[in-house]
Amino acid sequence: MIMIKNILFVLVLLYSAYSDYKYRIIPDKIHIIIILIGLININILYLILGLILISSSPFVIAITKMV
């Protein structure tokens, strides 16, 4: 499944590169397609772990600067 996800992502990036080269604009639908491809085969545990790890360090820095 991850291989299909990667192939779709590469195809969308190639299309956006071609569109940008030819018309000098990337259509808005490309961004939506990339988001939808990112939602394929997600793992909730990794999402929660990433949320905690990424957001905790700026939070701790903000708290220590206030004190």
Protein backbone atom coordinates (compact mmCIF):
# COMPACT_ATOMS: atom_id res chain seq x y z
CA MET A 1 0.00 0.00 0.00
CA ILE A 2 2.84 2.38 0.82
CA MET A 3 4.34 1.77 -2.61
CA ILE A 4 1.08 2.77 -4.31
CA LYS A 5 0.97 5.89 -2.13
CA ASN A 6 4.52 6.83 -3.13
CA ILE A 7 3.85 6.21 -6.82
CA LEU A 8 0.73 8.40 -6.71
CA PHE A 9 2.65 11.12 -4.89
CA VAL A 10 5.46 11.08 -7.47
CA LEU A 11 2.95 11.20 -10.33
CA VAL A 12 1.21 14.21 -8.79
CA LEU A 13 4.55 15.96 -8.28
CA LEU A 14 5.55 15.28 -11.87
CA TYR A 15 2.23 16.67 -13.10
CA SER A 16 2.65 19.78 -10.97
CA ALA A 17 6.21 20.25 -12.23
CA TYR A 18 5.03 19.92 -15.84
CA SER A 19 2.15 22.32 -15.24
CA ASP A 20 4.45 24.82 -13.56
CA TYR A 21 6.99 24.59 -16.37
CA LYS A 22 4.44 24.91 -19.18
CA TYR A 23 1.89 27.38 -17.75
CA ARG A 24 3.86 28.94 -14.85
CA ILE A 25 1.03 28.08 -12.46
CA ILE A 26 0.19 25.09 -10.27
CA PRO A 27 -3.55 24.34 -10.13
CA ASP A 28 -5.27 24.38 -6.74
CA LYS A 29 -6.44 20.82 -7.21
CA ILE A 30 -2.84 19.61 -6.86
CA HIS A 31 -2.72 20.67 -3.21
CA ILE A 32 -5.99 18.88 -2.47
CA ILE A 33 -4.78 15.71 -4.22
CA ILE A 34 -1.54 15.75 -2.19
CA ILE A 35 -3.54 16.04 1.04
CA LEU A 36 -5.79 13.16 -0.01
CA ILE A 37 -2.80 10.98 -0.90
CA GLY A 38 -1.33 11.77 2.51
CA LEU A 39 -4.45 10.38 4.16
CA ILE A 40 -3.99 6.96 2.57
CA ASN A 41 -3.03 4.30 5.12
CA ILE A 42 -2.47 6.64 8.09
CA ASN A 43 -1.60 5.39 11.56
CA ILE A 44 -3.36 7.21 14.40
CA LEU A 45 -0.64 6.31 16.92
CA TYR A 46 2.02 8.03 14.81
CA LEU A 47 -0.21 11.09 14.40
CA ILE A 48 -0.72 11.44 18.15
CA LEU A 49 2.96 10.77 18.88
CA GLY A 50 4.01 13.39 16.32
CA LEU A 51 1.57 15.89 17.76
CA ILE A 52 2.96 15.40 21.25
CA LEU A 53 6.63 15.41 20.26
CA ILE A 54 6.48 18.33 17.84
CA SER A 55 4.24 20.59 19.89
CA SER A 56 5.82 19.87 23.28
CA SER A 57 9.20 21.49 22.65
CA PRO A 58 7.88 24.96 21.65
CA PHE A 59 5.42 24.74 24.56
CA VAL A 60 8.20 24.02 27.04
CA ILE A 61 10.32 26.83 25.61
CA ALA A 62 7.40 29.26 25.89
CA ILE A 63 6.72 28.27 29.47
CA THR A 64 10.37 28.60 30.51
CA LYS A 65 10.66 32.05 28.90
CA MET A 66 7.61 33.27 30.84
CA VAL A 67 9.03 32.26 34.21
